[in-house]
PDB file of all heavy atoms in Angstrom:
ATOM      1  N   LEU A   1     -90.378  52.942 -62.333  1.00  0.00           N
ATOM      2  CA  LEU A   1     -90.213  54.108 -63.205  1.00  0.00           C
ATOM      3  C   LEU A   1     -89.125  55.012 -62.645  1.00  0.00           C
ATOM      4  O   LEU A   1     -89.044  55.213 -61.437  1.00  0.00           O
ATOM      5  CB  LEU A   1     -91.522  54.896 -63.266  1.00  0.00           C
ATOM      6  CG  LEU A   1     -92.752  54.093 -63.675  1.00  0.00           C
ATOM      7  CD1 LEU A   1     -94.011  54.817 -63.243  1.00  0.00           C
ATOM      8  CD2 LEU A   1     -92.742  53.869 -65.162  1.00  0.00           C
ATOM      9  N   GLU A   2     -88.307  55.558 -63.538  1.00  0.00           N
ATOM     10  CA  GLU A   2     -87.367  56.581 -63.114  1.00  0.00           C
ATOM     11  C   GLU A   2     -87.166  57.569 -64.246  1.00  0.00           C
ATOM     12  O   GLU A   2     -87.493  57.296 -65.392  1.00  0.00           O
ATOM     13  CB  GLU A   2     -86.040  56.005 -62.638  1.00  0.00           C
ATOM     14  CG  GLU A   2     -85.378  55.019 -63.522  1.00  0.00           C
ATOM     15  CD  GLU A   2     -84.088  54.503 -62.895  1.00  0.00           C
ATOM     16  OE1 GLU A   2     -84.142  53.608 -62.041  1.00  0.00           O
ATOM     17  OE2 GLU A   2     -83.029  55.017 -63.293  1.00  0.00           O
ATOM     18  N   CYS A   3     -86.692  58.728 -63.891  1.00  0.00           N
ATOM     19  CA  CYS A   3     -86.457  59.802 -64.839  1.00  0.00           C
ATOM     20  C   CYS A   3     -85.018  60.236 -64.686  1.00  0.00           C
ATOM     21  O   CYS A   3     -84.586  60.560 -63.581  1.00  0.00           O
ATOM     22  CB  CYS A   3     -87.420  60.951 -64.537  1.00  0.00           C
ATOM     23  SG  CYS A   3     -87.158  62.393 -65.553  1.00  0.00           S
ATOM     24  N   GLN A   4     -84.259  60.244 -65.785  1.00  0.00           N
ATOM     25  CA  GLN A   4     -82.851  60.609 -65.684  1.00  0.00           C
ATOM     26  C   GLN A   4     -82.573  62.040 -66.126  1.00  0.00           C
ATOM     27  O   GLN A   4     -81.694  62.686 -65.574  1.00  0.00           O
ATOM     28  CB  GLN A   4     -82.013  59.629 -66.487  1.00  0.00           C
ATOM     29  CG  GLN A   4     -82.105  58.235 -65.903  1.00  0.00           C
ATOM     30  CD  GLN A   4     -81.314  57.226 -66.689  1.00  0.00           C
ATOM     31  OE1 GLN A   4     -80.776  57.522 -67.747  1.00  0.00           O
ATOM     32  NE2 GLN A   4     -81.236  56.013 -66.173  1.00  0.00           N
ATOM     33  N   THR A   5     -83.315  62.549 -67.113  1.00  0.00           N
ATOM     34  CA  THR A   5     -83.016  63.897 -67.607  1.00  0.00           C
ATOM     35  C   THR A   5     -84.250  64.795 -67.732  1.00  0.00           C
ATOM     36  O   THR A   5     -84.311  65.832 -67.109  1.00  0.00           O
ATOM     37  CB  THR A   5     -82.304  63.838 -68.970  1.00  0.00           C
ATOM     38  OG1 THR A   5     -83.116  63.108 -69.888  1.00  0.00           O
ATOM     39  CG2 THR A   5     -80.932  63.187 -68.851  1.00  0.00           C
ATOM     40  N   THR A   6     -85.224  64.384 -68.542  1.00  0.00           N
ATOM     41  CA  THR A   6     -86.383  65.228 -68.834  1.00  0.00           C
ATOM     42  C   THR A   6     -87.619  64.703 -68.117  1.00  0.00           C
ATOM     43  O   THR A   6     -87.956  63.520 -68.246  1.00  0.00           O
ATOM     44  CB  THR A   6     -86.656  65.239 -70.356  1.00  0.00           C
ATOM     45  OG1 THR A   6     -85.461  65.651 -71.018  1.00  0.00           O
ATOM     46  CG2 THR A   6     -87.776  66.188 -70.700  1.00  0.00           C
ATOM     47  N   PRO A   7     -88.316  65.553 -67.362  1.00  0.00           N
ATOM     48  CA  PRO A   7     -89.552  65.107 -66.699  1.00  0.00           C
ATOM     49  C   PRO A   7     -90.565  64.571 -67.715  1.00  0.00           C
ATOM     50  O   PRO A   7     -90.584  65.010 -68.870  1.00  0.00           O
ATOM     51  CB  PRO A   7     -90.085  66.380 -66.033  1.00  0.00           C
ATOM     52  CG  PRO A   7     -88.910  67.276 -65.914  1.00  0.00           C
ATOM     53  CD  PRO A   7     -88.030  66.954 -67.093  1.00  0.00           C
ATOM     54  N   TYR A   8     -91.379  63.627 -67.281  1.00  0.00           N
ATOM     55  CA  TYR A   8     -92.440  63.112 -68.144  1.00  0.00           C
ATOM     56  C   TYR A   8     -93.654  62.745 -67.306  1.00  0.00           C
ATOM     57  O   TYR A   8     -93.586  62.675 -66.087  1.00  0.00           O
ATOM     58  CB  TYR A   8     -91.956  61.919 -68.981  1.00  0.00           C
ATOM     59  CG  TYR A   8     -91.573  60.690 -68.210  1.00  0.00           C
ATOM     60  CD1 TYR A   8     -92.490  59.669 -67.980  1.00  0.00           C
ATOM     61  CD2 TYR A   8     -90.282  60.528 -67.696  1.00  0.00           C
ATOM     62  CE1 TYR A   8     -92.138  58.530 -67.276  1.00  0.00           C
ATOM     63  CE2 TYR A   8     -89.921  59.391 -66.997  1.00  0.00           C
ATOM     64  CZ  TYR A   8     -90.857  58.402 -66.801  1.00  0.00           C
ATOM     65  OH  TYR A   8     -90.498  57.278 -66.099  1.00  0.00           O
ATOM     66  N   SER A   9     -94.770  62.521 -67.984  1.00  0.00           N
ATOM     67  CA  SER A   9     -96.003  62.169 -67.276  1.00  0.00           C
ATOM     68  C   SER A   9     -96.372  60.722 -67.556  1.00  0.00           C
ATOM     69  O   SER A   9     -95.959  60.139 -68.560  1.00  0.00           O
ATOM     70  CB  SER A   9     -97.147  63.093 -67.689  1.00  0.00           C
ATOM     71  OG  SER A   9     -97.417  62.937 -69.065  1.00  0.00           O
ATOM     72  N   ILE A  10     -97.174  60.166 -66.647  1.00  0.00           N
ATOM     73  CA  ILE A  10     -97.658  58.790 -66.759  1.00  0.00           C
ATOM     74  C   ILE A  10     -99.170  58.827 -66.610  1.00  0.00           C
ATOM     75  O   ILE A  10     -99.703  59.479 -65.706  1.00  0.00           O
ATOM     76  CB  ILE A  10     -97.075  57.910 -65.647  1.00  0.00           C
ATOM     77  CG1 ILE A  10     -95.564  57.897 -65.749  1.00  0.00           C
ATOM     78  CG2 ILE A  10     -97.627  56.498 -65.714  1.00  0.00           C
ATOM     79  CD1 ILE A  10     -94.920  57.542 -64.464  1.00  0.00           C
ATOM     80  N   LEU A  11     -99.862  58.113 -67.482  1.00  0.00           N
ATOM     81  CA  LEU A  11    -101.317  58.000 -67.417  1.00  0.00           C
ATOM     82  C   LEU A  11    -101.653  56.519 -67.352  1.00  0.00           C
ATOM     83  O   LEU A  11    -101.054  55.717 -68.077  1.00  0.00           O
ATOM     84  CB  LEU A  11    -101.949  58.630 -68.653  1.00  0.00           C
ATOM     85  CG  LEU A  11    -103.463  58.688 -68.684  1.00  0.00           C
ATOM     86  CD1 LEU A  11    -103.978  59.672 -67.632  1.00  0.00           C
ATOM     87  CD2 LEU A  11    -103.934  59.122 -70.054  1.00  0.00           C
ATOM     88  N   VAL A  12    -102.569  56.137 -66.469  1.00  0.00           N
ATOM     89  CA  VAL A  12    -102.965  54.732 -66.339  1.00  0.00           C
ATOM     90  C   VAL A  12    -104.400  54.590 -66.851  1.00  0.00           C
ATOM     91  O   VAL A  12    -105.314  55.234 -66.356  1.00  0.00           O
ATOM     92  CB  VAL A  12    -102.859  54.247 -64.877  1.00  0.00           C
ATOM     93  CG1 VAL A  12    -103.246  52.777 -64.779  1.00  0.00           C
ATOM     94  CG2 VAL A  12    -101.454  54.462 -64.334  1.00  0.00           C
ATOM     95  N   GLU A  13    -104.566  53.762 -67.873  1.00  0.00           N
ATOM     96  CA  GLU A  13    -105.873  53.502 -68.469  1.00  0.00           C
ATOM     97  C   GLU A  13    -106.359  52.127 -68.028  1.00  0.00           C
ATOM     98  O   GLU A  13    -105.549  51.280 -67.721  1.00  0.00           O
ATOM     99  CB  GLU A  13    -105.768  53.528 -70.007  1.00  0.00           C
ATOM    100  CG  GLU A  13    -105.324  54.860 -70.581  1.00  0.00           C
ATOM    101  CD  GLU A  13    -106.404  55.919 -70.540  1.00  0.00           C
ATOM    102  OE1 GLU A  13    -107.542  55.630 -70.094  1.00  0.00           O
ATOM    103  OE2 GLU A  13    -106.118  57.043 -70.931  1.00  0.00           O
ATOM    104  N   PRO A  14    -107.622  51.839 -68.003  1.00  0.00           N
ATOM    105  CA  PRO A  14    -108.751  52.579 -68.559  1.00  0.00           C
ATOM    106  C   PRO A  14    -109.370  53.594 -67.601  1.00  0.00           C
ATOM    107  O   PRO A  14    -110.411  54.147 -67.893  1.00  0.00           O
ATOM    108  CB  PRO A  14    -109.753  51.487 -68.894  1.00  0.00           C
ATOM    109  CG  PRO A  14    -109.543  50.450 -67.853  1.00  0.00           C
ATOM    110  CD  PRO A  14    -108.059  50.497 -67.561  1.00  0.00           C
ATOM    111  N   TRP A  15    -108.752  53.863 -66.467  1.00  0.00           N
ATOM    112  CA  TRP A  15    -109.331  54.806 -65.508  1.00  0.00           C
ATOM    113  C   TRP A  15    -109.188  56.255 -65.952  1.00  0.00           C
ATOM    114  O   TRP A  15    -109.845  57.120 -65.406  1.00  0.00           O
ATOM    115  CB  TRP A  15    -108.650  54.684 -64.147  1.00  0.00           C
ATOM    116  CG  TRP A  15    -108.859  53.391 -63.445  1.00  0.00           C
ATOM    117  CD1 TRP A  15    -109.935  53.051 -62.665  1.00  0.00           C
ATOM    118  CD2 TRP A  15    -107.984  52.277 -63.409  1.00  0.00           C
ATOM    119  NE1 TRP A  15    -109.772  51.798 -62.162  1.00  0.00           N
ATOM    120  CE2 TRP A  15    -108.577  51.289 -62.598  1.00  0.00           C
ATOM    121  CE3 TRP A  15    -106.750  52.014 -63.989  1.00  0.00           C
ATOM    122  CZ2 TRP A  15    -107.976  50.068 -62.354  1.00  0.00           C
ATOM    123  CZ3 TRP A  15    -106.157  50.794 -63.744  1.00  0.00           C
ATOM    124  CH2 TRP A  15    -106.769  49.831 -62.935  1.00  0.00           C
ATOM    125  N   ALA A  16    -108.274  56.536 -66.887  1.00  0.00           N
ATOM    126  CA  ALA A  16    -107.909  57.915 -67.231  1.00  0.00           C
ATOM    127  C   ALA A  16    -107.529  58.634 -65.941  1.00  0.00           C
ATOM    128  O   ALA A  16    -108.060  59.669 -65.579  1.00  0.00           O
ATOM    129  CB  ALA A  16    -109.029  58.639 -67.964  1.00  0.00           C
ATOM    130  N   SER A  17    -106.618  57.999 -65.245  1.00  0.00           N
ATOM    131  CA  SER A  17    -106.150  58.485 -63.950  1.00  0.00           C
ATOM    132  C   SER A  17    -105.580  59.887 -64.080  1.00  0.00           C
ATOM    133  O   SER A  17    -105.296  60.346 -65.180  1.00  0.00           O
ATOM    134  CB  SER A  17    -105.056  57.554 -63.436  1.00  0.00           C
ATOM    135  OG  SER A  17    -103.895  57.690 -64.241  1.00  0.00           O
ATOM    136  N   PRO A  18    -105.360  60.543 -62.957  1.00  0.00           N
ATOM    137  CA  PRO A  18    -104.625  61.804 -63.063  1.00  0.00           C
ATOM    138  C   PRO A  18    -103.249  61.515 -63.650  1.00  0.00           C
ATOM    139  O   PRO A  18    -102.700  60.437 -63.439  1.00  0.00           O
ATOM    140  CB  PRO A  18    -104.512  62.279 -61.613  1.00  0.00           C
ATOM    141  CG  PRO A  18    -104.937  61.155 -60.750  1.00  0.00           C
ATOM    142  CD  PRO A  18    -105.679  60.176 -61.589  1.00  0.00           C
ATOM    143  N   ALA A  19    -102.718  62.454 -64.410  1.00  0.00           N
ATOM    144  CA  ALA A  19    -101.372  62.270 -64.961  1.00  0.00           C
ATOM    145  C   ALA A  19    -100.363  62.489 -63.835  1.00  0.00           C
ATOM    146  O   ALA A  19    -100.411  63.501 -63.158  1.00  0.00           O
ATOM    147  CB  ALA A  19    -101.138  63.239 -66.103  1.00  0.00           C
ATOM    148  N   PHE A  20     -99.503  61.527 -63.647  1.00  0.00           N
ATOM    149  CA  PHE A  20     -98.468  61.619 -62.626  1.00  0.00           C
ATOM    150  C   PHE A  20     -97.201  62.134 -63.281  1.00  0.00           C
ATOM    151  O   PHE A  20     -96.788  61.618 -64.314  1.00  0.00           O
ATOM    152  CB  PHE A  20     -98.207  60.246 -62.001  1.00  0.00           C
ATOM    153  CG  PHE A  20     -99.443  59.588 -61.467  1.00  0.00           C
ATOM    154  CD1 PHE A  20     -99.984  58.492 -62.096  1.00  0.00           C
ATOM    155  CD2 PHE A  20    -100.074  60.086 -60.334  1.00  0.00           C
ATOM    156  CE1 PHE A  20    -101.126  57.886 -61.605  1.00  0.00           C
ATOM    157  CE2 PHE A  20    -101.210  59.492 -59.834  1.00  0.00           C
ATOM    158  CZ  PHE A  20    -101.746  58.386 -60.474  1.00  0.00           C
ATOM    159  N   GLU A  21     -96.586  63.138 -62.707  1.00  0.00           N
ATOM    160  CA  GLU A  21     -95.340  63.699 -63.228  1.00  0.00           C
ATOM    161  C   GLU A  21     -94.155  63.078 -62.497  1.00  0.00           C
ATOM    162  O   GLU A  21     -94.166  62.968 -61.272  1.00  0.00           O
ATOM    163  CB  GLU A  21     -95.303  65.208 -63.034  1.00  0.00           C
ATOM    164  CG  GLU A  21     -96.346  65.956 -63.838  1.00  0.00           C
ATOM    165  CD  GLU A  21     -96.070  65.951 -65.330  1.00  0.00           C
ATOM    166  OE1 GLU A  21     -94.891  66.040 -65.724  1.00  0.00           O
ATOM    167  OE2 GLU A  21     -97.040  65.859 -66.097  1.00  0.00           O
ATOM    168  N   ILE A  22     -93.133  62.699 -63.276  1.00  0.00           N
ATOM    169  CA  ILE A  22     -91.902  62.178 -62.694  1.00  0.00           C
ATOM    170  C   ILE A  22     -90.772  63.121 -63.107  1.00  0.00           C
ATOM    171  O   ILE A  22     -90.650  63.477 -64.274  1.00  0.00           O
ATOM    172  CB  ILE A  22     -91.622  60.750 -63.180  1.00  0.00           C
ATOM    173  CG1 ILE A  22     -92.721  59.839 -62.693  1.00  0.00           C
ATOM    174  CG2 ILE A  22     -90.264  60.284 -62.701  1.00  0.00           C
ATOM    175  CD1 ILE A  22     -92.472  58.394 -62.880  1.00  0.00           C
ATOM    176  N   THR A  23     -89.977  63.527 -62.136  1.00  0.00           N
ATOM    177  CA  THR A  23     -88.880  64.452 -62.391  1.00  0.00           C
ATOM    178  C   THR A  23     -87.538  63.730 -62.237  1.00  0.00           C
ATOM    179  O   THR A  23     -87.478  62.631 -61.689  1.00  0.00           O
ATOM    180  CB  THR A  23     -88.963  65.656 -61.422  1.00  0.00           C
ATOM    181  OG1 THR A  23     -88.943  65.174 -60.088  1.00  0.00           O
ATOM    182  CG2 THR A  23     -90.237  66.454 -61.644  1.00  0.00           C
ATOM    183  N   PRO A  24     -86.453  64.353 -62.722  1.00  0.00           N
ATOM    184  CA  PRO A  24     -85.146  63.685 -62.654  1.00  0.00           C
ATOM    185  C   PRO A  24     -84.792  63.198 -61.252  1.00  0.00           C
ATOM    186  O   PRO A  24     -85.096  63.850 -60.254  1.00  0.00           O
ATOM    187  CB  PRO A  24     -84.179  64.782 -63.127  1.00  0.00           C
ATOM    188  CG  PRO A  24     -85.006  65.593 -64.067  1.00  0.00           C
ATOM    189  CD  PRO A  24     -86.380  65.624 -63.433  1.00  0.00           C
ATOM    190  N   ASP A  25     -84.182  62.021 -61.244  1.00  0.00           N
ATOM    191  CA  ASP A  25     -83.694  61.356 -60.032  1.00  0.00           C
ATOM    192  C   ASP A  25     -84.790  60.835 -59.111  1.00  0.00           C
ATOM    193  O   ASP A  25     -84.499  60.404 -57.997  1.00  0.00           O
ATOM    194  CB  ASP A  25     -82.735  62.263 -59.242  1.00  0.00           C
ATOM    195  CG  ASP A  25     -81.501  62.591 -60.068  1.00  0.00           C
ATOM    196  OD1 ASP A  25     -81.021  61.706 -60.791  1.00  0.00           O
ATOM    197  OD2 ASP A  25     -81.040  63.741 -59.995  1.00  0.00           O
ATOM    198  N   GLU A  26     -86.045  60.869 -59.542  1.00  0.00           N
ATOM    199  CA  GLU A  26     -87.128  60.272 -58.744  1.00  0.00           C
ATOM    200  C   GLU A  26     -87.247  58.795 -59.069  1.00  0.00           C
ATOM    201  O   GLU A  26     -87.059  58.388 -60.209  1.00  0.00           O
ATOM    202  CB  GLU A  26     -88.476  60.938 -59.054  1.00  0.00           C
ATOM    203  CG  GLU A  26     -88.720  62.193 -58.320  1.00  0.00           C
ATOM    204  CD  GLU A  26     -90.168  62.636 -58.444  1.00  0.00           C
ATOM    205  OE1 GLU A  26     -90.687  62.717 -59.556  1.00  0.00           O
ATOM    206  OE2 GLU A  26     -90.747  62.916 -57.387  1.00  0.00           O
ATOM    207  N   ARG A  27     -87.589  58.029 -58.075  1.00  0.00           N
ATOM    208  CA  ARG A  27     -87.889  56.600 -58.264  1.00  0.00           C
ATOM    209  C   ARG A  27     -89.354  56.403 -57.902  1.00  0.00           C
ATOM    210  O   ARG A  27     -89.767  56.701 -56.776  1.00  0.00           O
ATOM    211  CB  ARG A  27     -86.991  55.739 -57.401  1.00  0.00           C
ATOM    212  CG  ARG A  27     -85.562  55.765 -57.841  1.00  0.00           C
ATOM    213  CD  ARG A  27     -84.768  54.667 -57.156  1.00  0.00           C
ATOM    214  NE  ARG A  27     -83.401  54.659 -57.626  1.00  0.00           N
ATOM    215  CZ  ARG A  27     -82.994  54.004 -58.695  1.00  0.00           C
ATOM    216  NH1 ARG A  27     -83.847  53.305 -59.407  1.00  0.00           N
ATOM    217  NH2 ARG A  27     -81.725  54.027 -59.047  1.00  0.00           N
ATOM    218  N   CYS A  28     -90.111  55.911 -58.869  1.00  0.00           N
ATOM    219  CA  CYS A  28     -91.549  55.726 -58.680  1.00  0.00           C
ATOM    220  C   CYS A  28     -91.941  54.343 -59.195  1.00  0.00           C
ATOM    221  O   CYS A  28     -91.144  53.651 -59.818  1.00  0.00           O
ATOM    222  CB  CYS A  28     -92.332  56.797 -59.449  1.00  0.00           C
ATOM    223  SG  CYS A  28     -91.932  58.481 -58.947  1.00  0.00           S
ATOM    224  N   ALA A  29     -93.191  53.971 -58.933  1.00  0.00           N
ATOM    225  CA  ALA A  29     -93.697  52.691 -59.427  1.00  0.00           C
ATOM    226  C   ALA A  29     -95.212  52.770 -59.568  1.00  0.00           C
ATOM    227  O   ALA A  29     -95.882  53.490 -58.830  1.00  0.00           O
ATOM    228  CB  ALA A  29     -93.336  51.560 -58.475  1.00  0.00           C
ATOM    229  N   ILE A  30     -95.709  52.023 -60.528  1.00  0.00           N
ATOM    230  CA  ILE A  30     -97.137  51.750 -60.638  1.00  0.00           C
ATOM    231  C   ILE A  30     -97.295  50.304 -60.213  1.00  0.00           C
ATOM    232  O   ILE A  30     -96.647  49.412 -60.764  1.00  0.00           O
ATOM    233  CB  ILE A  30     -97.656  51.939 -62.082  1.00  0.00           C
ATOM    234  CG1 ILE A  30     -97.474  53.385 -62.555  1.00  0.00           C
ATOM    235  CG2 ILE A  30     -99.114  51.486 -62.195  1.00  0.00           C
ATOM    236  CD1 ILE A  30     -98.374  54.402 -61.899  1.00  0.00           C
ATOM    237  N   VAL A  31     -98.132  50.064 -59.209  1.00  0.00           N
ATOM    238  CA  VAL A  31     -98.379  48.714 -58.712  1.00  0.00           C
ATOM    239  C   VAL A  31     -99.835  48.378 -59.018  1.00  0.00           C
ATOM    240  O   VAL A  31    -100.747  49.009 -58.486  1.00  0.00           O
ATOM    241  CB  VAL A  31     -98.118  48.616 -57.192  1.00  0.00           C
ATOM    242  CG1 VAL A  31     -98.372  47.201 -56.702  1.00  0.00           C
ATOM    243  CG2 VAL A  31     -96.697  49.068 -56.860  1.00  0.00           C
TER     244      VAL A  31
END
């Protein structure tokens, strides 16, 4: 996952995990 301009959130189901926020220029991953 990466964000180039506008921050966004990620939710992982079926756990209804906490929403993870990704901001510009961050590199993230769901494994």
